[in-house]
Amino acid sequence: GWKVEGVGGNPLYFPPGSWLAMAGALSHAPAAIQDQYACRLDHYAFGILLSEVVFITWMGSKESDAEKCDSPLRKTFEAYTEFHRFWQNCHSAMAKGKAIVTHLAADPKRCLESMRHALLRLLSSLNATDAPLLKVSAKLIAE
């Protein structure tokens, strides 16, 4: 079933457990990651979607405002952009028929470390803002 095969969709919304499942390493993951994958798969995706809606709306109103802003929200925007760019690259590779799982299996430590870095930076930035919606986003992602 869906827990072990036929994983598809936009990798932006895949929680860490999904990546570990695709690499055949979920059983070695901490219990919290296994639990998120088994019981709260959509929480992660919804948290990413919340932050995406905030930043895409912000950028869409006036991109120059985002570029000129000097605040914790700007740092959060930069972290979101880095996180989103990382996953856009993964999605592009998948769309071209390249197996991300093969890439992950070839150098799992490096690939997972890149994912971890982008995710931790995003979470740290979301938690550092005064924006309640972004704090909810961080909580959903981290559950």
C-alpha atoms as a PDB file:
ATOM      1  CA  GLY A   1       0.000   0.000   0.000  1.00  0.00           C
ATOM      2  CA  TRP A   2       0.835   3.685   0.211  1.00  0.00           C
ATOM      3  CA  LYS A   3       3.170   3.209   3.157  1.00  0.00           C
ATOM      4  CA  VAL A   4       5.775   1.284   1.185  1.00  0.00           C
ATOM      5  CA  GLU A   5       5.162   1.574  -2.553  1.00  0.00           C
ATOM      6  CA  GLY A   6       3.819   3.849  -5.225  1.00  0.00           C
ATOM      7  CA  VAL A   7       4.930   7.020  -3.464  1.00  0.00           C
ATOM      8  CA  GLY A   8       4.196   9.956  -5.750  1.00  0.00           C
ATOM      9  CA  GLY A   9       3.461  13.646  -5.698  1.00  0.00           C
ATOM     10  CA  ASN A  10       5.407  16.823  -5.118  1.00  0.00           C
ATOM     11  CA  PRO A  11       8.473  16.137  -2.931  1.00  0.00           C
ATOM     12  CA  LEU A  12       8.084  19.582  -1.346  1.00  0.00           C
ATOM     13  CA  TYR A  13       5.307  18.101   0.748  1.00  0.00           C
ATOM     14  CA  PHE A  14       7.031  14.802   1.648  1.00  0.00           C
ATOM     15  CA  PRO A  15       7.972  14.614   5.332  1.00  0.00           C
ATOM     16  CA  PRO A  16      11.370  13.175   6.265  1.00  0.00           C
ATOM     17  CA  GLY A  17       9.792   9.772   6.920  1.00  0.00           C
ATOM     18  CA  SER A  18       8.644   9.546   3.293  1.00  0.00           C
ATOM     19  CA  TRP A  19      12.189   9.992   2.094  1.00  0.00           C
ATOM     20  CA  LEU A  20      13.449   7.412   4.530  1.00  0.00           C
ATOM     21  CA  ALA A  21      10.695   5.004   3.444  1.00  0.00           C
ATOM     22  CA  MET A  22      11.660   5.441  -0.223  1.00  0.00           C
ATOM     23  CA  ALA A  23      15.284   4.755   0.686  1.00  0.00           C
ATOM     24  CA  GLY A  24      14.269   1.660   2.666  1.00  0.00           C
ATOM     25  CA  ALA A  25      15.544   3.159   5.916  1.00  0.00           C
ATOM     26  CA  LEU A  26      12.361   4.134   7.779  1.00  0.00           C
ATOM     27  CA  SER A  27      12.779   1.314  10.283  1.00  0.00           C
ATOM     28  CA  HIS A  28      16.099   2.905  11.351  1.00  0.00           C
ATOM     29  CA  ALA A  29      14.554   6.341  11.889  1.00  0.00           C
ATOM     30  CA  PRO A  30      13.745   7.762  15.329  1.00  0.00           C
ATOM     31  CA  ALA A  31      10.307   6.841  16.656  1.00  0.00           C
ATOM     32  CA  ALA A  32       9.035  10.425  16.216  1.00  0.00           C
ATOM     33  CA  ILE A  33       9.768  10.341  12.474  1.00  0.00           C
ATOM     34  CA  GLN A  34       8.166   6.909  12.108  1.00  0.00           C
ATOM     35  CA  ASP A  35       5.123   8.148  14.015  1.00  0.00           C
ATOM     36  CA  GLN A  36       4.833  11.289  11.883  1.00  0.00           C
ATOM     37  CA  TYR A  37       4.975   9.153   8.750  1.00  0.00           C
ATOM     38  CA  ALA A  38       2.380   6.662  10.004  1.00  0.00           C
ATOM     39  CA  CYS A  39      -0.048   8.985  11.808  1.00  0.00           C
ATOM     40  CA  ARG A  40       0.474  12.637  10.856  1.00  0.00           C
ATOM     41  CA  LEU A  41       1.641  12.561   7.263  1.00  0.00           C
ATOM     42  CA  ASP A  42      -0.646  15.439   6.266  1.00  0.00           C
ATOM     43  CA  HIS A  43       0.375  17.709   9.156  1.00  0.00           C
ATOM     44  CA  TYR A  44       3.814  18.190   7.635  1.00  0.00           C
ATOM     45  CA  ALA A  45       2.377  18.918   4.183  1.00  0.00           C
ATOM     46  CA  PHE A  46      -0.167  21.358   5.617  1.00  0.00           C
ATOM     47  CA  GLY A  47       2.554  23.193   7.565  1.00  0.00           C
ATOM     48  CA  ILE A  48       4.622  23.588   4.396  1.00  0.00           C
ATOM     49  CA  LEU A  49       1.531  24.729   2.509  1.00  0.00           C
ATOM     50  CA  LEU A  50       0.742  27.386   5.141  1.00  0.00           C
ATOM     51  CA  SER A  51       4.207  28.900   4.881  1.00  0.00           C
ATOM     52  CA  GLU A  52       4.040  28.661   1.094  1.00  0.00           C
ATOM     53  CA  VAL A  53       0.737  30.566   0.974  1.00  0.00           C
ATOM     54  CA  VAL A  54       2.141  33.334   3.188  1.00  0.00           C
ATOM     55  CA  PHE A  55       5.311  33.805   1.167  1.00  0.00           C
ATOM     56  CA  ILE A  56       3.812  33.418  -2.291  1.00  0.00           C
ATOM     57  CA  THR A  57       1.098  35.926  -1.374  1.00  0.00           C
ATOM     58  CA  TRP A  58       3.728  38.293  -0.006  1.00  0.00           C
ATOM     59  CA  MET A  59       5.924  37.951  -3.090  1.00  0.00           C
ATOM     60  CA  GLY A  60       2.957  38.263  -5.407  1.00  0.00           C
ATOM     61  CA  SER A  61       1.857  41.580  -3.919  1.00  0.00           C
ATOM     62  CA  LYS A  62       5.169  43.349  -4.452  1.00  0.00           C
ATOM     63  CA  GLU A  63       8.353  41.382  -4.830  1.00  0.00           C
ATOM     64  CA  SER A  64      10.417  44.476  -4.105  1.00  0.00           C
ATOM     65  CA  ASP A  65       8.833  44.696  -0.623  1.00  0.00           C
ATOM     66  CA  ALA A  66      10.200  41.248   0.217  1.00  0.00           C
ATOM     67  CA  GLU A  67      13.635  42.227  -1.080  1.00  0.00           C
ATOM     68  CA  LYS A  68      13.768  45.496   0.917  1.00  0.00           C
ATOM     69  CA  CYS A  69      12.404  44.137   4.192  1.00  0.00           C
ATOM     70  CA  ASP A  70      15.007  43.904   6.967  1.00  0.00           C
ATOM     71  CA  SER A  71      13.440  41.885   9.748  1.00  0.00           C
ATOM     72  CA  PRO A  72      13.195  38.363  11.128  1.00  0.00           C
ATOM     73  CA  LEU A  73      10.466  37.843   8.536  1.00  0.00           C
ATOM     74  CA  ARG A  74      13.015  38.545   5.780  1.00  0.00           C
ATOM     75  CA  LYS A  75      15.282  35.824   7.174  1.00  0.00           C
ATOM     76  CA  THR A  76      12.299  33.492   7.272  1.00  0.00           C
ATOM     77  CA  PHE A  77      11.518  34.369   3.674  1.00  0.00           C
ATOM     78  CA  GLU A  78      15.118  33.550   2.705  1.00  0.00           C
ATOM     79  CA  ALA A  79      14.976  30.223   4.559  1.00  0.00           C
ATOM     80  CA  TYR A  80      11.679  29.397   2.872  1.00  0.00           C
ATOM     81  CA  THR A  81      13.161  30.301  -0.527  1.00  0.00           C
ATOM     82  CA  GLU A  82      16.177  28.031   0.085  1.00  0.00           C
ATOM     83  CA  PHE A  83      13.902  25.207   1.226  1.00  0.00           C
ATOM     84  CA  HIS A  84      11.568  25.655  -1.748  1.00  0.00           C
ATOM     85  CA  ARG A  85      14.457  25.811  -4.248  1.00  0.00           C
ATOM     86  CA  PHE A  86      15.880  22.557  -2.881  1.00  0.00           C
ATOM     87  CA  TRP A  87      12.558  20.791  -3.429  1.00  0.00           C
ATOM     88  CA  GLN A  88      11.970  22.385  -6.840  1.00  0.00           C
ATOM     89  CA  ASN A  89      15.238  20.806  -7.952  1.00  0.00           C
ATOM     90  CA  CYS A  90      14.070  17.423  -6.639  1.00  0.00           C
ATOM     91  CA  HIS A  91      10.708  17.801  -8.365  1.00  0.00           C
ATOM     92  CA  SER A  92      12.385  18.772 -11.658  1.00  0.00           C
ATOM     93  CA  ALA A  93      14.562  15.683 -11.493  1.00  0.00           C
ATOM     94  CA  MET A  94      11.506  13.518 -10.828  1.00  0.00           C
ATOM     95  CA  ALA A  95       9.620  15.120 -13.718  1.00  0.00           C
ATOM     96  CA  LYS A  96      12.520  14.292 -16.033  1.00  0.00           C
ATOM     97  CA  GLY A  97      12.245  10.665 -14.985  1.00  0.00           C
ATOM     98  CA  LYS A  98      15.301  10.653 -12.754  1.00  0.00           C
ATOM     99  CA  ALA A  99      14.926   8.457  -9.724  1.00  0.00           C
ATOM    100  CA  ILE A 100      15.422  10.582  -6.626  1.00  0.00           C
ATOM    101  CA  VAL A 101      15.518   7.358  -4.632  1.00  0.00           C
ATOM    102  CA  THR A 102      18.510   6.220  -6.685  1.00  0.00           C
ATOM    103  CA  HIS A 103      20.215   9.544  -5.957  1.00  0.00           C
ATOM    104  CA  LEU A 104      19.326   9.208  -2.293  1.00  0.00           C
ATOM    105  CA  ALA A 105      20.638   5.645  -2.194  1.00  0.00           C
ATOM    106  CA  ALA A 106      23.882   6.655  -3.944  1.00  0.00           C
ATOM    107  CA  ASP A 107      24.845   9.196  -1.299  1.00  0.00           C
ATOM    108  CA  PRO A 108      22.233   9.008   1.473  1.00  0.00           C
ATOM    109  CA  LYS A 109      24.249  10.851   4.077  1.00  0.00           C
ATOM    110  CA  ARG A 110      24.890  13.886   1.883  1.00  0.00           C
ATOM    111  CA  CYS A 111      21.382  13.977   0.436  1.00  0.00           C
ATOM    112  CA  LEU A 112      19.651  13.601   3.811  1.00  0.00           C
ATOM    113  CA  GLU A 113      21.983  16.160   5.377  1.00  0.00           C
ATOM    114  CA  SER A 114      21.025  18.676   2.670  1.00  0.00           C
ATOM    115  CA  MET A 115      17.337  18.013   3.345  1.00  0.00           C
ATOM    116  CA  ARG A 116      17.877  18.256   7.098  1.00  0.00           C
ATOM    117  CA  HIS A 117      19.773  21.546   6.804  1.00  0.00           C
ATOM    118  CA  ALA A 118      17.087  23.194   4.649  1.00  0.00           C
ATOM    119  CA  LEU A 119      14.300  21.962   6.929  1.00  0.00           C
ATOM    120  CA  LEU A 120      15.999  22.981  10.200  1.00  0.00           C
ATOM    121  CA  ARG A 121      16.790  26.441   8.856  1.00  0.00           C
ATOM    122  CA  LEU A 122      13.169  26.868   7.806  1.00  0.00           C
ATOM    123  CA  LEU A 123      11.841  25.678  11.180  1.00  0.00           C
ATOM    124  CA  SER A 124      14.232  27.895  13.111  1.00  0.00           C
ATOM    125  CA  SER A 125      13.224  30.921  11.046  1.00  0.00           C
ATOM    126  CA  LEU A 126       9.498  30.191  11.295  1.00  0.00           C
ATOM    127  CA  ASN A 127       9.796  29.926  15.083  1.00  0.00           C
ATOM    128  CA  ALA A 128      11.769  33.205  15.274  1.00  0.00           C
ATOM    129  CA  THR A 129       8.982  35.316  13.768  1.00  0.00           C
ATOM    130  CA  ASP A 130       6.171  37.069  15.596  1.00  0.00           C
ATOM    131  CA  ALA A 131       3.688  35.854  12.992  1.00  0.00           C
ATOM    132  CA  PRO A 132       1.254  33.411  14.636  1.00  0.00           C
ATOM    133  CA  LEU A 133       0.393  31.698  11.353  1.00  0.00           C
ATOM    134  CA  LEU A 134       4.057  30.946  10.680  1.00  0.00           C
ATOM    135  CA  LYS A 135       4.471  29.570  14.209  1.00  0.00           C
ATOM    136  CA  VAL A 136       1.510  27.239  13.547  1.00  0.00           C
ATOM    137  CA  SER A 137       3.204  26.243  10.314  1.00  0.00           C
ATOM    138  CA  ALA A 138       6.400  25.371  12.200  1.00  0.00           C
ATOM    139  CA  LYS A 139       4.476  23.324  14.752  1.00  0.00           C
ATOM    140  CA  LEU A 140       2.725  21.308  12.042  1.00  0.00           C
ATOM    141  CA  ILE A 141       5.992  20.674  10.207  1.00  0.00           C
ATOM    142  CA  ALA A 142       7.785  19.593  13.390  1.00  0.00           C
ATOM    143  CA  GLU A 143       5.039  17.298  14.728  1.00  0.00           C
END
